[in-house]
N, C-alpha and C. Protein backbone atom coordinates (compact mmCIF):
# COMPACT_ATOMS: atom_id res chain seq x y z
N TYR A 1 0.84 -1.19 0.00
CA TYR A 1 0.00 0.00 0.00
C TYR A 1 0.89 1.25 0.00
N THR A 2 1.46 1.52 -1.14
CA THR A 2 2.42 2.62 -1.23
C THR A 2 1.78 3.98 -1.01
N ALA A 3 0.47 4.08 -1.18
CA ALA A 3 -0.20 5.37 -1.01
C ALA A 3 -0.44 5.70 0.46
N LEU A 4 -0.22 4.72 1.34
CA LEU A 4 -0.46 4.94 2.76
C LEU A 4 0.80 5.40 3.46
N ASP A 5 0.64 6.38 4.32
CA ASP A 5 1.74 6.85 5.17
C ASP A 5 1.54 6.22 6.54
N VAL A 6 2.33 5.20 6.85
CA VAL A 6 2.15 4.42 8.07
C VAL A 6 3.26 4.73 9.06
N SER A 7 2.87 4.98 10.31
CA SER A 7 3.84 5.16 11.39
C SER A 7 3.35 4.41 12.61
N GLY A 8 4.27 4.00 13.46
CA GLY A 8 3.91 3.24 14.65
C GLY A 8 4.16 4.01 15.93
N HIS A 9 3.29 3.81 16.90
CA HIS A 9 3.42 4.48 18.19
C HIS A 9 3.01 3.51 19.29
N ILE A 10 3.66 3.61 20.43
CA ILE A 10 3.31 2.79 21.59
C ILE A 10 2.83 3.71 22.71
N HIS A 11 1.65 3.42 23.23
CA HIS A 11 1.10 4.19 24.33
C HIS A 11 0.66 3.24 25.43
N TYR A 12 0.81 3.67 26.66
CA TYR A 12 0.41 2.85 27.81
C TYR A 12 -0.82 3.44 28.47
N GLY A 13 -1.67 2.56 28.99
CA GLY A 13 -2.86 3.03 29.68
C GLY A 13 -4.12 2.60 28.96
N ASP A 14 -5.22 3.25 29.31
CA ASP A 14 -6.52 2.91 28.76
C ASP A 14 -6.58 3.25 27.27
N ILE A 15 -7.06 2.30 26.46
CA ILE A 15 -7.06 2.50 25.01
C ILE A 15 -7.96 3.66 24.60
N THR A 16 -9.12 3.77 25.23
CA THR A 16 -10.04 4.85 24.86
C THR A 16 -9.47 6.21 25.22
N ASP A 17 -8.90 6.32 26.41
CA ASP A 17 -8.29 7.59 26.83
C ASP A 17 -7.15 7.98 25.90
N ASN A 18 -6.32 7.01 25.54
CA ASN A 18 -5.21 7.29 24.63
C ASN A 18 -5.69 7.74 23.27
N LEU A 19 -6.70 7.06 22.75
CA LEU A 19 -7.22 7.43 21.43
C LEU A 19 -7.85 8.82 21.44
N LYS A 20 -8.49 9.18 22.55
CA LYS A 20 -9.07 10.52 22.64
C LYS A 20 -8.01 11.60 22.52
N GLU A 21 -6.79 11.30 22.98
CA GLU A 21 -5.69 12.25 22.86
C GLU A 21 -5.06 12.22 21.48
N ILE A 22 -4.95 11.03 20.91
CA ILE A 22 -4.27 10.86 19.62
C ILE A 22 -5.10 11.39 18.46
N ILE A 23 -6.39 11.17 18.48
CA ILE A 23 -7.26 11.52 17.35
C ILE A 23 -7.16 12.99 16.95
N PRO A 24 -7.28 13.95 17.89
CA PRO A 24 -7.16 15.36 17.49
C PRO A 24 -5.77 15.69 16.94
N HIS A 25 -4.74 15.08 17.51
CA HIS A 25 -3.37 15.36 17.08
C HIS A 25 -3.16 14.97 15.62
N HIS A 26 -3.74 13.85 15.21
CA HIS A 26 -3.58 13.37 13.84
C HIS A 26 -4.74 13.79 12.94
N LYS A 27 -5.69 14.54 13.50
CA LYS A 27 -6.87 14.98 12.74
C LYS A 27 -7.55 13.79 12.07
N ALA A 28 -7.68 12.72 12.83
CA ALA A 28 -8.27 11.49 12.30
C ALA A 28 -9.78 11.61 12.22
N TRP A 29 -10.33 11.21 11.09
CA TRP A 29 -11.79 11.18 10.95
C TRP A 29 -12.34 9.82 11.34
N LEU A 30 -11.54 8.77 11.17
CA LEU A 30 -12.00 7.40 11.36
C LEU A 30 -10.95 6.60 12.13
N VAL A 31 -11.40 5.74 13.04
CA VAL A 31 -10.51 4.87 13.80
C VAL A 31 -10.86 3.42 13.48
N VAL A 32 -9.84 2.63 13.19
CA VAL A 32 -10.03 1.20 12.94
C VAL A 32 -9.36 0.44 14.08
N VAL A 33 -10.11 -0.41 14.76
CA VAL A 33 -9.57 -1.17 15.88
C VAL A 33 -9.84 -2.66 15.66
N GLY A 34 -8.90 -3.48 16.12
CA GLY A 34 -9.06 -4.92 16.00
C GLY A 34 -9.03 -5.56 17.37
N ASN A 35 -9.36 -6.83 17.42
CA ASN A 35 -9.36 -7.57 18.69
C ASN A 35 -9.02 -9.01 18.41
N SER A 36 -8.03 -9.53 19.11
CA SER A 36 -7.60 -10.91 18.88
C SER A 36 -8.20 -11.88 19.88
N SER A 37 -9.07 -11.39 20.76
CA SER A 37 -9.62 -12.27 21.79
C SER A 37 -11.08 -12.55 21.54
N ALA A 38 -11.49 -13.76 21.88
CA ALA A 38 -12.89 -14.15 21.83
C ALA A 38 -13.12 -15.19 22.91
N ASN A 39 -14.24 -15.09 23.61
CA ASN A 39 -14.49 -16.07 24.66
C ASN A 39 -15.09 -17.34 24.08
N ASP A 40 -15.45 -18.27 24.93
CA ASP A 40 -15.93 -19.57 24.47
C ASP A 40 -17.21 -19.48 23.64
N SER A 41 -18.00 -18.44 23.87
CA SER A 41 -19.25 -18.30 23.13
C SER A 41 -19.04 -17.66 21.76
N GLY A 42 -17.79 -17.23 21.50
CA GLY A 42 -17.51 -16.61 20.22
C GLY A 42 -17.70 -15.10 20.21
N PHE A 43 -17.95 -14.52 21.39
CA PHE A 43 -18.15 -13.07 21.47
C PHE A 43 -16.80 -12.38 21.35
N TRP A 44 -16.59 -11.66 20.27
CA TRP A 44 -15.26 -11.12 19.98
C TRP A 44 -15.08 -9.66 20.39
N LEU A 45 -16.15 -9.01 20.84
CA LEU A 45 -16.02 -7.62 21.25
C LEU A 45 -15.73 -7.55 22.74
N GLY A 46 -14.46 -7.38 23.10
CA GLY A 46 -14.08 -7.28 24.50
C GLY A 46 -14.44 -5.92 25.08
N SER A 47 -14.20 -5.77 26.38
CA SER A 47 -14.61 -4.54 27.07
C SER A 47 -13.88 -3.31 26.53
N ASN A 48 -12.59 -3.45 26.18
CA ASN A 48 -11.85 -2.32 25.64
C ASN A 48 -12.41 -1.87 24.29
N LEU A 49 -12.73 -2.85 23.47
CA LEU A 49 -13.27 -2.54 22.15
C LEU A 49 -14.65 -1.92 22.26
N LEU A 50 -15.47 -2.45 23.16
CA LEU A 50 -16.79 -1.86 23.38
C LEU A 50 -16.69 -0.42 23.86
N SER A 51 -15.69 -0.16 24.69
CA SER A 51 -15.49 1.19 25.21
C SER A 51 -15.18 2.17 24.08
N THR A 52 -14.33 1.76 23.13
CA THR A 52 -14.01 2.65 22.02
C THR A 52 -15.24 2.89 21.14
N LEU A 53 -16.04 1.84 20.93
CA LEU A 53 -17.23 1.99 20.10
C LEU A 53 -18.22 2.97 20.72
N ARG A 54 -18.35 2.91 22.04
CA ARG A 54 -19.34 3.75 22.72
C ARG A 54 -18.86 5.18 22.96
N ASN A 55 -17.57 5.35 23.22
CA ASN A 55 -17.10 6.60 23.78
C ASN A 55 -16.27 7.49 22.87
N LEU A 56 -15.75 6.99 21.76
CA LEU A 56 -15.06 7.87 20.84
C LEU A 56 -16.09 8.60 20.00
N GLN A 57 -15.87 9.87 19.77
CA GLN A 57 -16.86 10.67 19.05
C GLN A 57 -16.70 10.63 17.54
N CYS A 58 -15.63 10.02 17.06
CA CYS A 58 -15.47 9.86 15.62
C CYS A 58 -15.92 8.45 15.23
N PRO A 59 -16.16 8.19 13.95
CA PRO A 59 -16.54 6.85 13.53
C PRO A 59 -15.47 5.82 13.89
N VAL A 60 -15.92 4.65 14.33
CA VAL A 60 -15.01 3.57 14.71
C VAL A 60 -15.41 2.29 13.98
N ILE A 61 -14.44 1.64 13.35
CA ILE A 61 -14.69 0.35 12.73
C ILE A 61 -14.00 -0.71 13.57
N ALA A 62 -14.77 -1.64 14.11
CA ALA A 62 -14.23 -2.76 14.89
C ALA A 62 -14.16 -3.97 13.97
N VAL A 63 -12.97 -4.56 13.88
CA VAL A 63 -12.74 -5.65 12.94
C VAL A 63 -12.46 -6.95 13.69
N PRO A 64 -13.20 -8.02 13.41
CA PRO A 64 -12.95 -9.31 14.07
C PRO A 64 -11.59 -9.88 13.69
N GLU A 65 -11.07 -10.71 14.57
CA GLU A 65 -9.74 -11.30 14.35
C GLU A 65 -9.67 -12.09 13.05
N SER A 66 -10.68 -12.87 12.74
CA SER A 66 -10.62 -13.78 11.60
C SER A 66 -11.02 -13.12 10.28
N TYR A 67 -11.34 -11.84 10.32
CA TYR A 67 -11.86 -11.19 9.12
C TYR A 67 -10.75 -10.97 8.09
N LEU A 68 -11.01 -11.35 6.85
CA LEU A 68 -10.09 -11.11 5.75
C LEU A 68 -10.63 -9.95 4.92
N TYR A 69 -9.77 -8.98 4.67
CA TYR A 69 -10.22 -7.79 3.95
C TYR A 69 -10.72 -8.14 2.56
N LYS A 70 -11.81 -7.51 2.19
CA LYS A 70 -12.32 -7.60 0.82
C LYS A 70 -13.02 -6.29 0.50
N LYS A 71 -13.21 -6.05 -0.76
CA LYS A 71 -13.89 -4.82 -1.18
C LYS A 71 -15.28 -4.78 -0.57
N VAL A 72 -15.64 -3.62 -0.05
CA VAL A 72 -16.93 -3.48 0.61
C VAL A 72 -18.05 -3.47 -0.42
N GLY A 73 -19.01 -4.36 -0.23
CA GLY A 73 -20.16 -4.41 -1.12
C GLY A 73 -21.38 -3.78 -0.48
N LYS A 74 -21.92 -4.44 0.55
CA LYS A 74 -23.15 -3.97 1.19
C LYS A 74 -22.88 -3.48 2.61
N ILE A 75 -23.41 -2.31 2.89
CA ILE A 75 -23.33 -1.71 4.23
C ILE A 75 -24.74 -1.59 4.76
N ALA A 76 -25.02 -2.22 5.90
CA ALA A 76 -26.36 -2.17 6.49
C ALA A 76 -26.37 -1.18 7.65
N PHE A 77 -27.36 -0.29 7.64
CA PHE A 77 -27.55 0.66 8.73
C PHE A 77 -28.91 0.42 9.35
N ALA A 78 -28.91 -0.03 10.60
CA ALA A 78 -30.16 -0.32 11.31
C ALA A 78 -30.67 0.96 11.96
N CYS A 79 -31.93 1.28 11.69
CA CYS A 79 -32.47 2.57 12.12
C CYS A 79 -33.81 2.38 12.82
N ASP A 80 -34.02 3.07 13.94
CA ASP A 80 -35.27 2.91 14.68
C ASP A 80 -36.31 3.99 14.40
N LEU A 81 -36.01 4.89 13.45
CA LEU A 81 -36.99 5.90 13.01
C LEU A 81 -37.52 6.77 14.14
N LYS A 82 -36.62 7.19 15.03
CA LYS A 82 -37.01 8.04 16.14
C LYS A 82 -36.11 9.28 16.20
N ASN A 83 -36.71 10.45 16.12
CA ASN A 83 -36.01 11.72 16.30
C ASN A 83 -34.77 11.83 15.41
N LEU A 84 -34.90 11.43 14.15
CA LEU A 84 -33.75 11.41 13.25
C LEU A 84 -33.25 12.80 12.89
N GLU A 85 -34.13 13.77 12.86
CA GLU A 85 -33.71 15.12 12.49
C GLU A 85 -32.64 15.63 13.44
N ASN A 86 -32.73 15.25 14.70
CA ASN A 86 -31.77 15.72 15.70
C ASN A 86 -30.62 14.75 15.94
N ASN A 87 -30.82 13.48 15.61
CA ASN A 87 -29.84 12.48 16.02
C ASN A 87 -29.10 11.75 14.90
N LEU A 88 -29.64 11.75 13.70
CA LEU A 88 -29.04 10.96 12.63
C LEU A 88 -27.66 11.50 12.23
N PRO A 89 -26.60 10.67 12.33
CA PRO A 89 -25.26 11.12 11.92
C PRO A 89 -25.10 11.00 10.41
N ALA A 90 -25.93 11.74 9.68
CA ALA A 90 -26.00 11.59 8.22
C ALA A 90 -24.69 11.91 7.53
N GLU A 91 -24.02 12.97 7.95
CA GLU A 91 -22.78 13.38 7.29
C GLU A 91 -21.72 12.28 7.38
N ASP A 92 -21.56 11.71 8.57
CA ASP A 92 -20.58 10.64 8.74
C ASP A 92 -20.98 9.39 7.95
N LEU A 93 -22.26 9.08 7.94
CA LEU A 93 -22.72 7.89 7.23
C LEU A 93 -22.53 8.03 5.72
N VAL A 94 -22.88 9.17 5.18
CA VAL A 94 -22.69 9.41 3.75
C VAL A 94 -21.21 9.36 3.40
N ARG A 95 -20.39 9.98 4.22
CA ARG A 95 -18.95 9.98 3.96
C ARG A 95 -18.39 8.57 4.00
N LEU A 96 -18.83 7.77 4.96
CA LEU A 96 -18.38 6.39 5.08
C LEU A 96 -18.71 5.60 3.81
N VAL A 97 -19.93 5.76 3.33
CA VAL A 97 -20.37 5.05 2.13
C VAL A 97 -19.56 5.50 0.92
N GLN A 98 -19.37 6.79 0.78
CA GLN A 98 -18.65 7.30 -0.38
C GLN A 98 -17.17 6.90 -0.35
N LYS A 99 -16.56 6.92 0.82
CA LYS A 99 -15.15 6.54 0.92
C LYS A 99 -14.94 5.04 0.69
N SER A 100 -15.88 4.23 1.15
CA SER A 100 -15.72 2.78 1.05
C SER A 100 -16.16 2.25 -0.31
N GLY A 101 -17.05 2.98 -0.98
CA GLY A 101 -17.56 2.51 -2.25
C GLY A 101 -18.65 1.47 -2.13
N GLY A 102 -19.17 1.28 -0.91
CA GLY A 102 -20.21 0.28 -0.69
C GLY A 102 -21.60 0.79 -1.03
N GLN A 103 -22.56 -0.12 -1.02
CA GLN A 103 -23.98 0.21 -1.25
C GLN A 103 -24.68 0.23 0.10
N LEU A 104 -25.32 1.36 0.41
CA LEU A 104 -25.98 1.52 1.70
C LEU A 104 -27.38 0.91 1.68
N HIS A 105 -27.66 0.09 2.69
CA HIS A 105 -28.98 -0.50 2.89
C HIS A 105 -29.49 -0.07 4.26
N VAL A 106 -30.59 0.67 4.30
CA VAL A 106 -31.15 1.17 5.54
C VAL A 106 -32.28 0.24 5.98
N LEU A 107 -32.17 -0.28 7.20
CA LEU A 107 -33.12 -1.27 7.70
C LEU A 107 -34.02 -0.68 8.77
N SER A 108 -35.29 -0.99 8.67
CA SER A 108 -36.25 -0.66 9.71
C SER A 108 -37.03 -1.94 10.01
N VAL A 109 -36.98 -2.38 11.27
CA VAL A 109 -37.63 -3.64 11.64
C VAL A 109 -38.86 -3.36 12.49
N ASP A 110 -39.98 -3.92 12.08
CA ASP A 110 -41.23 -3.75 12.82
C ASP A 110 -42.09 -4.99 12.54
N HIS A 111 -43.18 -5.12 13.30
CA HIS A 111 -44.10 -6.23 13.07
C HIS A 111 -45.52 -5.70 13.08
N GLU A 112 -46.20 -5.85 11.96
CA GLU A 112 -47.58 -5.40 11.81
C GLU A 112 -47.74 -3.91 12.17
N ASN A 113 -46.70 -3.13 11.84
CA ASN A 113 -46.72 -1.67 12.05
C ASN A 113 -46.98 -1.27 13.50
N ARG A 114 -46.52 -2.07 14.43
CA ARG A 114 -46.76 -1.77 15.85
C ARG A 114 -46.07 -0.48 16.30
N HIS A 115 -44.96 -0.13 15.65
CA HIS A 115 -44.25 1.08 16.05
C HIS A 115 -44.54 2.25 15.11
N PHE A 116 -45.47 2.06 14.20
CA PHE A 116 -45.86 3.15 13.30
C PHE A 116 -46.67 4.17 14.09
N ASP A 117 -46.27 5.44 13.99
CA ASP A 117 -47.01 6.50 14.68
C ASP A 117 -47.12 7.70 13.75
N PRO A 118 -47.78 8.78 14.17
CA PRO A 118 -47.96 9.93 13.28
C PRO A 118 -46.66 10.55 12.77
N ASP A 119 -45.55 10.35 13.49
CA ASP A 119 -44.27 10.93 13.08
C ASP A 119 -43.50 10.05 12.09
N THR A 120 -43.90 8.81 11.92
CA THR A 120 -43.14 7.87 11.10
C THR A 120 -42.95 8.34 9.66
N PRO A 121 -44.00 8.82 8.97
CA PRO A 121 -43.78 9.29 7.59
C PRO A 121 -42.76 10.42 7.51
N TYR A 122 -42.79 11.32 8.50
CA TYR A 122 -41.81 12.42 8.52
C TYR A 122 -40.40 11.88 8.73
N GLU A 123 -40.25 10.88 9.61
CA GLU A 123 -38.93 10.31 9.85
C GLU A 123 -38.37 9.69 8.57
N TYR A 124 -39.23 9.07 7.77
CA TYR A 124 -38.79 8.52 6.49
C TYR A 124 -38.31 9.63 5.55
N GLU A 125 -39.01 10.76 5.57
CA GLU A 125 -38.60 11.90 4.74
C GLU A 125 -37.22 12.40 5.15
N VAL A 126 -37.00 12.48 6.46
CA VAL A 126 -35.70 12.92 6.97
C VAL A 126 -34.61 11.97 6.50
N LEU A 127 -34.87 10.67 6.59
CA LEU A 127 -33.90 9.67 6.14
C LEU A 127 -33.57 9.86 4.67
N GLU A 128 -34.59 9.94 3.84
CA GLU A 128 -34.38 10.03 2.40
C GLU A 128 -33.62 11.29 2.02
N GLU A 129 -33.98 12.42 2.62
CA GLU A 129 -33.31 13.68 2.30
C GLU A 129 -31.87 13.70 2.83
N SER A 130 -31.67 13.23 4.06
CA SER A 130 -30.35 13.30 4.68
C SER A 130 -29.35 12.37 4.02
N LEU A 131 -29.83 11.22 3.54
CA LEU A 131 -28.93 10.21 2.98
C LEU A 131 -28.98 10.15 1.46
N HIS A 132 -29.60 11.13 0.85
CA HIS A 132 -29.78 11.13 -0.60
C HIS A 132 -28.46 10.94 -1.36
N ALA A 133 -27.41 11.60 -0.89
CA ALA A 133 -26.12 11.55 -1.59
C ALA A 133 -25.49 10.16 -1.57
N ALA A 134 -25.95 9.30 -0.65
CA ALA A 134 -25.40 7.94 -0.55
C ALA A 134 -26.20 6.94 -1.38
N HIS A 135 -27.30 7.39 -2.00
CA HIS A 135 -28.15 6.52 -2.84
C HIS A 135 -28.54 5.23 -2.11
N PRO A 136 -29.17 5.35 -0.96
CA PRO A 136 -29.49 4.15 -0.17
C PRO A 136 -30.66 3.35 -0.72
N GLU A 137 -30.69 2.09 -0.35
CA GLU A 137 -31.87 1.25 -0.57
C GLU A 137 -32.53 1.06 0.79
N PHE A 138 -33.85 1.17 0.84
CA PHE A 138 -34.57 1.07 2.10
C PHE A 138 -35.30 -0.27 2.20
N HIS A 139 -35.25 -0.85 3.40
CA HIS A 139 -35.85 -2.16 3.62
C HIS A 139 -36.71 -2.11 4.88
N ASN A 140 -37.98 -2.42 4.75
CA ASN A 140 -38.87 -2.57 5.90
C ASN A 140 -39.02 -4.06 6.19
N ILE A 141 -38.49 -4.48 7.31
CA ILE A 141 -38.44 -5.90 7.64
C ILE A 141 -39.51 -6.23 8.67
N ASP A 142 -40.32 -7.22 8.38
CA ASP A 142 -41.37 -7.65 9.30
C ASP A 142 -40.84 -8.77 10.18
N ASN A 143 -40.62 -8.45 11.45
CA ASN A 143 -40.14 -9.45 12.40
C ASN A 143 -40.49 -8.98 13.81
N LYS A 144 -40.99 -9.86 14.65
CA LYS A 144 -41.31 -9.51 16.03
C LYS A 144 -40.06 -9.16 16.82
N ASP A 145 -38.94 -9.75 16.45
CA ASP A 145 -37.68 -9.57 17.15
C ASP A 145 -36.76 -8.71 16.29
N VAL A 146 -36.47 -7.49 16.76
CA VAL A 146 -35.65 -6.56 15.99
C VAL A 146 -34.28 -7.15 15.70
N GLU A 147 -33.64 -7.70 16.75
CA GLU A 147 -32.30 -8.26 16.58
C GLU A 147 -32.30 -9.39 15.56
N GLU A 148 -33.30 -10.26 15.64
CA GLU A 148 -33.40 -11.37 14.70
C GLU A 148 -33.62 -10.87 13.28
N GLY A 149 -34.42 -9.83 13.13
CA GLY A 149 -34.67 -9.26 11.82
C GLY A 149 -33.41 -8.72 11.18
N ILE A 150 -32.60 -8.02 11.97
CA ILE A 150 -31.35 -7.47 11.45
C ILE A 150 -30.37 -8.59 11.14
N ARG A 151 -30.27 -9.55 12.06
CA ARG A 151 -29.33 -10.66 11.85
C ARG A 151 -29.67 -11.46 10.60
N SER A 152 -30.95 -11.69 10.37
CA SER A 152 -31.37 -12.43 9.18
C SER A 152 -31.01 -11.67 7.92
N PHE A 153 -31.19 -10.36 7.95
CA PHE A 153 -30.84 -9.55 6.78
C PHE A 153 -29.34 -9.64 6.51
N ILE A 154 -28.54 -9.54 7.57
CA ILE A 154 -27.08 -9.63 7.41
C ILE A 154 -26.69 -10.94 6.75
N ASN A 155 -27.26 -12.03 7.22
CA ASN A 155 -26.91 -13.35 6.69
C ASN A 155 -27.45 -13.57 5.29
N ASN A 156 -28.71 -13.24 5.08
CA ASN A 156 -29.34 -13.51 3.78
C ASN A 156 -28.80 -12.63 2.66
N GLU A 157 -28.46 -11.40 3.00
CA GLU A 157 -27.99 -10.45 1.98
C GLU A 157 -26.47 -10.37 1.91
N GLU A 158 -25.78 -11.16 2.73
CA GLU A 158 -24.31 -11.18 2.75
C GLU A 158 -23.74 -9.77 2.93
N VAL A 159 -24.19 -9.15 3.99
CA VAL A 159 -23.75 -7.79 4.32
C VAL A 159 -22.28 -7.81 4.74
N ASP A 160 -21.54 -6.78 4.33
CA ASP A 160 -20.11 -6.70 4.63
C ASP A 160 -19.82 -5.91 5.90
N TRP A 161 -20.56 -4.83 6.13
CA TRP A 161 -20.39 -4.02 7.33
C TRP A 161 -21.76 -3.74 7.94
N LEU A 162 -21.81 -3.71 9.28
CA LEU A 162 -23.02 -3.30 9.99
C LEU A 162 -22.75 -1.98 10.69
N VAL A 163 -23.58 -0.98 10.42
CA VAL A 163 -23.42 0.34 11.04
C VAL A 163 -24.47 0.50 12.12
N VAL A 164 -24.03 0.93 13.30
CA VAL A 164 -24.93 1.15 14.42
C VAL A 164 -24.63 2.50 15.07
N VAL A 165 -25.61 2.99 15.82
CA VAL A 165 -25.44 4.21 16.61
C VAL A 165 -25.65 3.81 18.06
N PRO A 166 -24.58 3.54 18.80
CA PRO A 166 -24.70 2.96 20.15
C PRO A 166 -25.06 3.97 21.23
N HIS A 167 -26.15 4.69 21.04
CA HIS A 167 -26.58 5.64 22.07
C HIS A 167 -27.31 4.89 23.18
N LYS A 168 -27.42 5.52 24.33
CA LYS A 168 -28.02 4.87 25.50
C LYS A 168 -29.54 4.76 25.34
N HIS A 169 -30.10 3.84 26.13
CA HIS A 169 -31.55 3.66 26.20
C HIS A 169 -32.16 3.37 24.83
N SER A 170 -31.49 2.55 24.05
CA SER A 170 -32.05 2.15 22.77
C SER A 170 -31.79 0.68 22.54
N PHE A 171 -32.46 0.11 21.54
CA PHE A 171 -32.26 -1.30 21.29
C PHE A 171 -30.84 -1.58 20.82
N PHE A 172 -30.10 -0.55 20.39
CA PHE A 172 -28.74 -0.78 19.93
C PHE A 172 -27.85 -1.30 21.05
N GLU A 173 -28.12 -0.91 22.30
CA GLU A 173 -27.30 -1.41 23.39
C GLU A 173 -27.38 -2.92 23.49
N SER A 174 -28.53 -3.49 23.15
CA SER A 174 -28.66 -4.95 23.22
C SER A 174 -27.79 -5.65 22.19
N LEU A 175 -27.40 -4.93 21.14
CA LEU A 175 -26.54 -5.54 20.14
C LEU A 175 -25.17 -5.86 20.72
N PHE A 176 -24.79 -5.13 21.76
CA PHE A 176 -23.45 -5.27 22.31
C PHE A 176 -23.42 -6.01 23.65
N HIS A 177 -24.59 -6.34 24.20
CA HIS A 177 -24.64 -6.88 25.55
C HIS A 177 -24.24 -8.35 25.58
N LYS A 178 -23.21 -8.67 26.33
CA LYS A 178 -22.67 -10.03 26.35
C LYS A 178 -23.70 -11.06 26.83
N SER A 179 -24.62 -10.64 27.70
CA SER A 179 -25.57 -11.60 28.25
C SER A 179 -26.67 -11.96 27.26
N GLN A 180 -26.75 -11.23 26.18
CA GLN A 180 -27.77 -11.50 25.17
C GLN A 180 -27.27 -12.60 24.24
N THR A 181 -27.84 -13.81 24.39
CA THR A 181 -27.38 -14.92 23.56
C THR A 181 -27.71 -14.70 22.09
N LYS A 182 -28.68 -13.83 21.83
CA LYS A 182 -29.05 -13.56 20.44
C LYS A 182 -28.41 -12.28 19.92
N ALA A 183 -27.48 -11.73 20.69
CA ALA A 183 -26.87 -10.46 20.28
C ALA A 183 -26.34 -10.56 18.86
N ILE A 184 -26.68 -9.59 18.06
CA ILE A 184 -26.32 -9.61 16.64
C ILE A 184 -24.83 -9.76 16.43
N VAL A 185 -24.06 -8.95 17.15
CA VAL A 185 -22.62 -8.94 16.90
C VAL A 185 -21.92 -10.17 17.46
N GLN A 186 -22.60 -10.97 18.27
CA GLN A 186 -21.95 -12.13 18.87
C GLN A 186 -21.48 -13.13 17.82
N HIS A 187 -22.28 -13.30 16.78
CA HIS A 187 -21.91 -14.27 15.75
C HIS A 187 -21.83 -13.65 14.36
N ALA A 188 -22.02 -12.36 14.27
CA ALA A 188 -21.87 -11.69 12.98
C ALA A 188 -20.42 -11.28 12.82
N HIS A 189 -19.64 -12.14 12.21
CA HIS A 189 -18.20 -11.89 12.13
C HIS A 189 -17.87 -10.99 10.94
N ILE A 190 -18.43 -9.80 11.00
CA ILE A 190 -18.16 -8.76 10.02
C ILE A 190 -17.80 -7.50 10.80
N PRO A 191 -17.12 -6.56 10.17
CA PRO A 191 -16.81 -5.31 10.86
C PRO A 191 -18.07 -4.59 11.32
N ILE A 192 -17.99 -4.03 12.52
CA ILE A 192 -19.07 -3.23 13.10
C ILE A 192 -18.61 -1.78 13.10
N VAL A 193 -19.41 -0.91 12.52
CA VAL A 193 -19.07 0.51 12.45
C VAL A 193 -19.97 1.28 13.41
N ALA A 194 -19.37 2.00 14.34
CA ALA A 194 -20.13 2.80 15.30
C ALA A 194 -20.05 4.27 14.89
N LEU A 195 -21.22 4.85 14.66
CA LEU A 195 -21.33 6.29 14.43
C LEU A 195 -22.07 6.88 15.61
N HIS A 196 -21.82 8.15 15.88
CA HIS A 196 -22.45 8.76 17.04
C HIS A 196 -23.43 9.84 16.64
N GLU A 197 -24.46 9.98 17.45
CA GLU A 197 -25.48 11.00 17.18
C GLU A 197 -24.82 12.35 16.97
N LYS A 198 -25.36 13.10 16.04
CA LYS A 198 -24.77 14.42 15.79
C LYS A 198 -24.97 15.30 17.01
N ALA A 199 -23.98 16.15 17.24
CA ALA A 199 -24.02 17.01 18.43
C ALA A 199 -25.10 18.07 18.29
């Protein structure tokens, strides 16, 4: 990779704290982190990696140990259609898609329109307008279990990256919870991209 300018640095201490100091110095827009550990259940996101996903304010790509790099084809973004005008990290998501060259697939999981409310049509408008530059495909998935709906889409559509917004008090936290045997990321051995709500 002759076009890359690579340098090495050694830092001691908490990985998240160190990265918070390093990122502004290097004007980094994106952080890529890996993890070589996995427990007996196959859960590869350790506590340090989870901390970077939750607490760094720039986009973070977490890469499983066994993952072999390939050209990005499909990028899935799971969306709960709530307060998107204030929270959707559209700029980072569009930039990620454009830089990677992948095709964005926006997922909304519901069952018999149980979560449909008067604001839902407006939330769809916000999505379409905000992500227009990324030329997304939208998918409404009917499943009682949100996590199962997303996981099935990942497997059936051979998704390359999963994008999440790990804000508190949302179903996204369950994607990362070790005690959840059905946690999406537990067996989805693809890179997980964490974007954060816009400030």
